[in-house]
Amino acid sequence: MKRSHAQKSSTPIAQSGVADHEPQGLEVGMSVTVSPDVNGGEQPVAGNLRFANAETVVIERAAEDVGTVCVHFPRSGYRVDIA
């Protein structure tokens, strides 16, 4: 299913910010990749960091067919690498 022009041009509303004392030194807007801790053949997902706390990391990424989206990952079981 394709998104309409209005959907593609909408702005994500995901929370923005980084928790105090973030152990990796992550900052909003950093280029990062997120991948599973265990190598199961999944490709890393790249984007710009939008939000991070002890439980969740959110990256913002853009694709021509869907526009700008925010992808949410649990911190447990995933690795965040600064690109």
PDB file of N, CA and C in Angstrom:
ATOM      1  N   MET A   1       0.841  -1.169   0.000  1.00  0.00           N
ATOM      2  CA  MET A   1       0.000   0.000   0.000  1.00  0.00           C
ATOM      3  C   MET A   1       0.890   1.236   0.000  1.00  0.00           C
ATOM      4  N   LYS A   2       0.623   2.145  -0.923  1.00  0.00           N
ATOM      5  CA  LYS A   2       1.390   3.381  -0.994  1.00  0.00           C
ATOM      6  C   LYS A   2       0.774   4.440  -0.095  1.00  0.00           C
ATOM      7  N   ARG A   3       1.640   5.280   0.426  1.00  0.00           N
ATOM      8  CA  ARG A   3       1.151   6.397   1.239  1.00  0.00           C
ATOM      9  C   ARG A   3       0.776   7.546   0.315  1.00  0.00           C
ATOM     10  N   SER A   4      -0.217   8.308   0.711  1.00  0.00           N
ATOM     11  CA  SER A   4      -0.639   9.458  -0.074  1.00  0.00           C
ATOM     12  C   SER A   4       0.376  10.582   0.070  1.00  0.00           C
ATOM     13  N   HIS A   5       0.273  11.584  -0.786  1.00  0.00           N
ATOM     14  CA  HIS A   5       1.176  12.735  -0.713  1.00  0.00           C
ATOM     15  C   HIS A   5       1.089  13.395   0.664  1.00  0.00           C
ATOM     16  N   ALA A   6      -0.127  13.491   1.208  1.00  0.00           N
ATOM     17  CA  ALA A   6      -0.299  14.118   2.526  1.00  0.00           C
ATOM     18  C   ALA A   6       0.423  13.311   3.602  1.00  0.00           C
ATOM     19  N   GLN A   7       0.360  11.994   3.513  1.00  0.00           N
ATOM     20  CA  GLN A   7       1.049  11.162   4.493  1.00  0.00           C
ATOM     21  C   GLN A   7       2.561  11.284   4.350  1.00  0.00           C
ATOM     22  N   LYS A   8       3.065  11.300   3.107  1.00  0.00           N
ATOM     23  CA  LYS A   8       4.504  11.417   2.879  1.00  0.00           C
ATOM     24  C   LYS A   8       5.051  12.736   3.384  1.00  0.00           C
ATOM     25  N   SER A   9       4.256  13.774   3.329  1.00  0.00           N
ATOM     26  CA  SER A   9       4.745  15.094   3.721  1.00  0.00           C
ATOM     27  C   SER A   9       4.484  15.402   5.192  1.00  0.00           C
ATOM     28  N   SER A  10       3.861  14.482   5.920  1.00  0.00           N
ATOM     29  CA  SER A  10       3.605  14.727   7.340  1.00  0.00           C
ATOM     30  C   SER A  10       4.890  14.566   8.150  1.00  0.00           C
ATOM     31  N   THR A  11       4.917  15.204   9.297  1.00  0.00           N
ATOM     32  CA  THR A  11       6.084  15.184  10.166  1.00  0.00           C
ATOM     33  C   THR A  11       5.862  14.189  11.297  1.00  0.00           C
ATOM     34  N   PRO A  12       6.848  13.311  11.571  1.00  0.00           N
ATOM     35  CA  PRO A  12       6.688  12.376  12.685  1.00  0.00           C
ATOM     36  C   PRO A  12       6.506  13.117  14.011  1.00  0.00           C
ATOM     37  N   ILE A  13       5.745  12.502  14.927  1.00  0.00           N
ATOM     38  CA  ILE A  13       5.485  13.140  16.216  1.00  0.00           C
ATOM     39  C   ILE A  13       6.166  12.420  17.366  1.00  0.00           C
ATOM     40  N   ALA A  14       7.092  11.512  17.058  1.00  0.00           N
ATOM     41  CA  ALA A  14       7.795  10.772  18.118  1.00  0.00           C
ATOM     42  C   ALA A  14       8.552  11.741  19.018  1.00  0.00           C
ATOM     43  N   GLN A  15       8.622  11.372  20.282  1.00  0.00           N
ATOM     44  CA  GLN A  15       9.345  12.155  21.279  1.00  0.00           C
ATOM     45  C   GLN A  15      10.789  12.352  20.833  1.00  0.00           C
ATOM     46  N   SER A  16      11.380  13.474  21.220  1.00  0.00           N
ATOM     47  CA  SER A  16      12.766  13.772  20.883  1.00  0.00           C
ATOM     48  C   SER A  16      13.540  14.049  22.166  1.00  0.00           C
ATOM     49  N   GLY A  17      14.765  13.540  22.248  1.00  0.00           N
ATOM     50  CA  GLY A  17      15.605  13.797  23.409  1.00  0.00           C
ATOM     51  C   GLY A  17      16.416  12.579  23.794  1.00  0.00           C
ATOM     52  N   VAL A  18      17.339  12.772  24.691  1.00  0.00           N
ATOM     53  CA  VAL A  18      18.197  11.695  25.192  1.00  0.00           C
ATOM     54  C   VAL A  18      18.200  11.766  26.713  1.00  0.00           C
ATOM     55  N   ALA A  19      18.075  10.614  27.348  1.00  0.00           N
ATOM     56  CA  ALA A  19      18.062  10.554  28.810  1.00  0.00           C
ATOM     57  C   ALA A  19      19.376  11.066  29.386  1.00  0.00           C
ATOM     58  N   ASP A  20      19.290  11.665  30.564  1.00  0.00           N
ATOM     59  CA  ASP A  20      20.498  12.093  31.275  1.00  0.00           C
ATOM     60  C   ASP A  20      21.413  10.894  31.485  1.00  0.00           C
ATOM     61  N   HIS A  21      22.692  11.129  31.443  1.00  0.00           N
ATOM     62  CA  HIS A  21      23.703  10.096  31.701  1.00  0.00           C
ATOM     63  C   HIS A  21      23.640   8.951  30.695  1.00  0.00           C
ATOM     64  N   GLU A  22      23.343   9.249  29.435  1.00  0.00           N
ATOM     65  CA  GLU A  22      23.304   8.247  28.373  1.00  0.00           C
ATOM     66  C   GLU A  22      24.701   7.626  28.268  1.00  0.00           C
ATOM     67  N   PRO A  23      24.859   6.309  28.494  1.00  0.00           N
ATOM     68  CA  PRO A  23      26.190   5.708  28.594  1.00  0.00           C
ATOM     69  C   PRO A  23      26.998   5.702  27.294  1.00  0.00           C
ATOM     70  N   GLN A  24      26.343   5.773  26.143  1.00  0.00           N
ATOM     71  CA  GLN A  24      27.061   5.766  24.875  1.00  0.00           C
ATOM     72  C   GLN A  24      27.397   7.175  24.388  1.00  0.00           C
ATOM     73  N   GLY A  25      26.930   8.188  25.093  1.00  0.00           N
ATOM     74  CA  GLY A  25      27.161   9.560  24.645  1.00  0.00           C
ATOM     75  C   GLY A  25      26.330   9.937  23.430  1.00  0.00           C
ATOM     76  N   LEU A  26      25.202   9.264  23.248  1.00  0.00           N
ATOM     77  CA  LEU A  26      24.333   9.559  22.102  1.00  0.00           C
ATOM     78  C   LEU A  26      23.716  10.940  22.240  1.00  0.00           C
ATOM     79  N   GLU A  27      23.533  11.589  21.082  1.00  0.00           N
ATOM     80  CA  GLU A  27      22.896  12.902  21.033  1.00  0.00           C
ATOM     81  C   GLU A  27      21.879  12.928  19.910  1.00  0.00           C
ATOM     82  N   VAL A  28      20.815  13.694  20.086  1.00  0.00           N
ATOM     83  CA  VAL A  28      19.793  13.838  19.055  1.00  0.00           C
ATOM     84  C   VAL A  28      20.452  14.335  17.768  1.00  0.00           C
ATOM     85  N   GLY A  29      20.085  13.709  16.659  1.00  0.00           N
ATOM     86  CA  GLY A  29      20.601  14.100  15.350  1.00  0.00           C
ATOM     87  C   GLY A  29      21.817  13.309  14.886  1.00  0.00           C
ATOM     88  N   MET A  30      22.454  12.554  15.791  1.00  0.00           N
ATOM     89  CA  MET A  30      23.617  11.738  15.396  1.00  0.00           C
ATOM     90  C   MET A  30      23.203  10.685  14.378  1.00  0.00           C
ATOM     91  N   SER A  31      24.088  10.414  13.426  1.00  0.00           N
ATOM     92  CA  SER A  31      23.897   9.294  12.508  1.00  0.00           C
ATOM     93  C   SER A  31      24.236   8.011  13.250  1.00  0.00           C
ATOM     94  N   VAL A  32      23.298   7.063  13.262  1.00  0.00           N
ATOM     95  CA  VAL A  32      23.495   5.793  13.958  1.00  0.00           C
ATOM     96  C   VAL A  32      22.976   4.639  13.114  1.00  0.00           C
ATOM     97  N   THR A  33      23.408   3.442  13.478  1.00  0.00           N
ATOM     98  CA  THR A  33      22.800   2.222  12.946  1.00  0.00           C
ATOM     99  C   THR A  33      22.346   1.396  14.143  1.00  0.00           C
ATOM    100  N   VAL A  34      21.246   0.694  13.958  1.00  0.00           N
ATOM    101  CA  VAL A  34      20.706  -0.179  15.002  1.00  0.00           C
ATOM    102  C   VAL A  34      20.629  -1.579  14.420  1.00  0.00           C
ATOM    103  N   SER A  35      21.154  -2.550  15.163  1.00  0.00           N
ATOM    104  CA  SER A  35      21.136  -3.933  14.696  1.00  0.00           C
ATOM    105  C   SER A  35      20.976  -4.867  15.891  1.00  0.00           C
ATOM    106  N   PRO A  36      20.462  -6.074  15.640  1.00  0.00           N
ATOM    107  CA  PRO A  36      20.299  -7.033  16.726  1.00  0.00           C
ATOM    108  C   PRO A  36      21.656  -7.420  17.325  1.00  0.00           C
ATOM    109  N   ASP A  37      21.673  -7.727  18.616  1.00  0.00           N
ATOM    110  CA  ASP A  37      22.890  -8.204  19.278  1.00  0.00           C
ATOM    111  C   ASP A  37      23.362  -9.532  18.695  1.00  0.00           C
ATOM    112  N   VAL A  38      22.432 -10.371  18.277  1.00  0.00           N
ATOM    113  CA  VAL A  38      22.744 -11.686  17.738  1.00  0.00           C
ATOM    114  C   VAL A  38      22.659 -11.611  16.211  1.00  0.00           C
ATOM    115  N   ASN A  39      23.678 -12.129  15.542  1.00  0.00           N
ATOM    116  CA  ASN A  39      23.693 -12.087  14.086  1.00  0.00           C
ATOM    117  C   ASN A  39      22.754 -13.141  13.522  1.00  0.00           C
ATOM    118  N   GLY A  40      21.578 -12.694  13.096  1.00  0.00           N
ATOM    119  CA  GLY A  40      20.592 -13.581  12.486  1.00  0.00           C
ATOM    120  C   GLY A  40      20.376 -13.254  11.027  1.00  0.00           C
ATOM    121  N   GLY A  41      21.282 -12.458  10.437  1.00  0.00           N
ATOM    122  CA  GLY A  41      21.169 -12.100   9.035  1.00  0.00           C
ATOM    123  C   GLY A  41      20.431 -10.795   8.787  1.00  0.00           C
ATOM    124  N   GLU A  42      19.893 -10.170   9.837  1.00  0.00           N
ATOM    125  CA  GLU A  42      19.189  -8.903   9.658  1.00  0.00           C
ATOM    126  C   GLU A  42      20.180  -7.796   9.328  1.00  0.00           C
ATOM    127  N   GLN A  43      19.777  -6.910   8.470  1.00  0.00           N
ATOM    128  CA  GLN A  43      20.607  -5.771   8.092  1.00  0.00           C
ATOM    129  C   GLN A  43      20.445  -4.653   9.115  1.00  0.00           C
ATOM    130  N   PRO A  44      21.521  -3.925   9.414  1.00  0.00           N
ATOM    131  CA  PRO A  44      21.398  -2.769  10.309  1.00  0.00           C
ATOM    132  C   PRO A  44      20.444  -1.736   9.703  1.00  0.00           C
ATOM    133  N   VAL A  45      19.759  -1.011  10.563  1.00  0.00           N
ATOM    134  CA  VAL A  45      18.862   0.057  10.129  1.00  0.00           C
ATOM    135  C   VAL A  45      19.552   1.377  10.458  1.00  0.00           C
ATOM    136  N   ALA A  46      19.741   2.218   9.455  1.00  0.00           N
ATOM    137  CA  ALA A  46      20.455   3.481   9.626  1.00  0.00           C
ATOM    138  C   ALA A  46      19.481   4.644   9.670  1.00  0.00           C
ATOM    139  N   GLY A  47      19.858   5.666  10.430  1.00  0.00           N
ATOM    140  CA  GLY A  47      19.055   6.879  10.512  1.00  0.00           C
ATOM    141  C   GLY A  47      19.684   7.853  11.484  1.00  0.00           C
ATOM    142  N   ASN A  48      18.951   8.900  11.787  1.00  0.00           N
ATOM    143  CA  ASN A  48      19.413   9.908  12.744  1.00  0.00           C
ATOM    144  C   ASN A  48      18.693   9.697  14.063  1.00  0.00           C
ATOM    145  N   LEU A  49      19.465   9.714  15.145  1.00  0.00           N
ATOM    146  CA  LEU A  49      18.890   9.481  16.464  1.00  0.00           C
ATOM    147  C   LEU A  49      17.859  10.546  16.798  1.00  0.00           C
ATOM    148  N   ARG A  50      16.708  10.112  17.236  1.00  0.00           N
ATOM    149  CA  ARG A  50      15.637  11.029  17.637  1.00  0.00           C
ATOM    150  C   ARG A  50      15.400  10.970  19.145  1.00  0.00           C
ATOM    151  N   PHE A  51      15.505   9.748  19.721  1.00  0.00           N
ATOM    152  CA  PHE A  51      15.223   9.581  21.139  1.00  0.00           C
ATOM    153  C   PHE A  51      15.985   8.366  21.659  1.00  0.00           C
ATOM    154  N   ALA A  52      16.473   8.465  22.890  1.00  0.00           N
ATOM    155  CA  ALA A  52      17.107   7.311  23.526  1.00  0.00           C
ATOM    156  C   ALA A  52      16.950   7.409  25.034  1.00  0.00           C
ATOM    157  N   ASN A  53      16.564   6.280  25.638  1.00  0.00           N
ATOM    158  CA  ASN A  53      16.584   6.147  27.093  1.00  0.00           C
ATOM    159  C   ASN A  53      17.006   4.717  27.405  1.00  0.00           C
ATOM    160  N   ALA A  54      16.856   4.264  28.621  1.00  0.00           N
ATOM    161  CA  ALA A  54      17.324   2.936  29.003  1.00  0.00           C
ATOM    162  C   ALA A  54      16.536   1.812  28.330  1.00  0.00           C
ATOM    163  N   GLU A  55      15.303   2.076  27.925  1.00  0.00           N
ATOM    164  CA  GLU A  55      14.454   1.035  27.345  1.00  0.00           C
ATOM    165  C   GLU A  55      14.301   1.105  25.834  1.00  0.00           C
ATOM    166  N   THR A  56      14.420   2.289  25.247  1.00  0.00           N
ATOM    167  CA  THR A  56      14.043   2.493  23.844  1.00  0.00           C
ATOM    168  C   THR A  56      15.046   3.376  23.106  1.00  0.00           C
ATOM    169  N   VAL A  57      15.195   3.105  21.826  1.00  0.00           N
ATOM    170  CA  VAL A  57      15.918   4.011  20.939  1.00  0.00           C
ATOM    171  C   VAL A  57      15.029   4.234  19.710  1.00  0.00           C
ATOM    172  N   VAL A  58      14.959   5.480  19.254  1.00  0.00           N
ATOM    173  CA  VAL A  58      14.138   5.835  18.095  1.00  0.00           C
ATOM    174  C   VAL A  58      15.042   6.527  17.085  1.00  0.00           C
ATOM    175  N   ILE A  59      14.991   6.040  15.838  1.00  0.00           N
ATOM    176  CA  ILE A  59      15.734   6.714  14.785  1.00  0.00           C
ATOM    177  C   ILE A  59      14.759   7.240  13.745  1.00  0.00           C
ATOM    178  N   GLU A  60      15.137   8.348  13.159  1.00  0.00           N
ATOM    179  CA  GLU A  60      14.341   8.965  12.099  1.00  0.00           C
ATOM    180  C   GLU A  60      15.047   8.676  10.787  1.00  0.00           C
ATOM    181  N   ARG A  61      14.283   8.239   9.802  1.00  0.00           N
ATOM    182  CA  ARG A  61      14.859   7.936   8.500  1.00  0.00           C
ATOM    183  C   ARG A  61      13.865   8.312   7.413  1.00  0.00           C
ATOM    184  N   ALA A  62      14.352   8.492   6.220  1.00  0.00           N
ATOM    185  CA  ALA A  62      13.493   8.899   5.109  1.00  0.00           C
ATOM    186  C   ALA A  62      13.638   7.923   3.945  1.00  0.00           C
ATOM    187  N   ALA A  63      12.530   7.679   3.283  1.00  0.00           N
ATOM    188  CA  ALA A  63      12.504   6.863   2.074  1.00  0.00           C
ATOM    189  C   ALA A  63      11.549   7.539   1.101  1.00  0.00           C
ATOM    190  N   GLU A  64      11.905   7.509  -0.150  1.00  0.00           N
ATOM    191  CA  GLU A  64      11.102   8.212  -1.153  1.00  0.00           C
ATOM    192  C   GLU A  64       9.656   7.725  -1.194  1.00  0.00           C
ATOM    193  N   ASP A  65       9.446   6.421  -0.992  1.00  0.00           N
ATOM    194  CA  ASP A  65       8.092   5.885  -1.119  1.00  0.00           C
ATOM    195  C   ASP A  65       7.194   6.139   0.086  1.00  0.00           C
ATOM    196  N   VAL A  66       7.783   6.422   1.272  1.00  0.00           N
ATOM    197  CA  VAL A  66       6.956   6.639   2.462  1.00  0.00           C
ATOM    198  C   VAL A  66       7.202   7.968   3.164  1.00  0.00           C
ATOM    199  N   GLY A  67       8.225   8.697   2.780  1.00  0.00           N
ATOM    200  CA  GLY A  67       8.549   9.952   3.441  1.00  0.00           C
ATOM    201  C   GLY A  67       9.390   9.710   4.680  1.00  0.00           C
ATOM    202  N   THR A  68       9.297  10.601   5.665  1.00  0.00           N
ATOM    203  CA  THR A  68      10.075  10.499   6.899  1.00  0.00           C
ATOM    204  C   THR A  68       9.295   9.708   7.932  1.00  0.00           C
ATOM    205  N   VAL A  69       9.961   8.717   8.511  1.00  0.00           N
ATOM    206  CA  VAL A  69       9.339   7.874   9.537  1.00  0.00           C
ATOM    207  C   VAL A  69      10.276   7.740  10.730  1.00  0.00           C
ATOM    208  N   CYS A  70       9.719   7.406  11.875  1.00  0.00           N
ATOM    209  CA  CYS A  70      10.509   7.102  13.068  1.00  0.00           C
ATOM    210  C   CYS A  70      10.353   5.616  13.354  1.00  0.00           C
ATOM    211  N   VAL A  71      11.502   4.954  13.548  1.00  0.00           N
ATOM    212  CA  VAL A  71      11.513   3.519  13.809  1.00  0.00           C
ATOM    213  C   VAL A  71      11.941   3.318  15.256  1.00  0.00           C
ATOM    214  N   HIS A  72      11.136   2.597  16.030  1.00  0.00           N
ATOM    215  CA  HIS A  72      11.371   2.374  17.457  1.00  0.00           C
ATOM    216  C   HIS A  72      11.973   0.980  17.669  1.00  0.00           C
ATOM    217  N   PHE A  73      13.014   0.915  18.491  1.00  0.00           N
ATOM    218  CA  PHE A  73      13.664  -0.349  18.840  1.00  0.00           C
ATOM    219  C   PHE A  73      13.775  -0.443  20.354  1.00  0.00           C
ATOM    220  N   PRO A  74      13.664  -1.659  20.900  1.00  0.00           N
ATOM    221  CA  PRO A  74      13.979  -1.824  22.320  1.00  0.00           C
ATOM    222  C   PRO A  74      15.503  -1.776  22.483  1.00  0.00           C
ATOM    223  N   ARG A  75      15.998  -1.294  23.603  1.00  0.00           N
ATOM    224  CA  ARG A  75      17.448  -1.305  23.838  1.00  0.00           C
ATOM    225  C   ARG A  75      17.924  -2.730  24.096  1.00  0.00           C
ATOM    226  N   SER A  76      17.107  -3.511  24.788  1.00  0.00           N
ATOM    227  CA  SER A  76      17.476  -4.883  25.099  1.00  0.00           C
ATOM    228  C   SER A  76      17.461  -5.719  23.816  1.00  0.00           C
ATOM    229  N   GLY A  77      18.596  -6.340  23.513  1.00  0.00           N
ATOM    230  CA  GLY A  77      18.668  -7.194  22.335  1.00  0.00           C
ATOM    231  C   GLY A  77      19.133  -6.489  21.088  1.00  0.00           C
ATOM    232  N   TYR A  78      19.368  -5.174  21.158  1.00  0.00           N
ATOM    233  CA  TYR A  78      19.816  -4.409  19.996  1.00  0.00           C
ATOM    234  C   TYR A  78      21.050  -3.595  20.349  1.00  0.00           C
ATOM    235  N   ARG A  79      21.867  -3.351  19.348  1.00  0.00           N
ATOM    236  CA  ARG A  79      23.092  -2.574  19.493  1.00  0.00           C
ATOM    237  C   ARG A  79      22.933  -1.283  18.714  1.00  0.00           C
ATOM    238  N   VAL A  80      23.352  -0.172  19.307  1.00  0.00           N
ATOM    239  CA  VAL A  80      23.331   1.130  18.626  1.00  0.00           C
ATOM    240  C   VAL A  80      24.784   1.517  18.371  1.00  0.00           C
ATOM    241  N   ASP A  81      25.125   1.702  17.103  1.00  0.00           N
ATOM    242  CA  ASP A  81      26.473   2.115  16.722  1.00  0.00           C
ATOM    243  C   ASP A  81      26.425   3.502  16.108  1.00  0.00           C
ATOM    244  N   ILE A  82      27.368   4.343  16.489  1.00  0.00           N
ATOM    245  CA  ILE A  82      27.469   5.670  15.887  1.00  0.00           C
ATOM    246  C   ILE A  82      28.100   5.493  14.520  1.00  0.00           C
ATOM    247  N   ALA A  83      27.422   6.016  13.499  1.00  0.00           N
ATOM    248  CA  ALA A  83      27.883   5.831  12.113  1.00  0.00           C
ATOM    249  C   ALA A  83      29.034   6.773  11.776  1.00  0.00           C
TER     250      ALA A  83
END
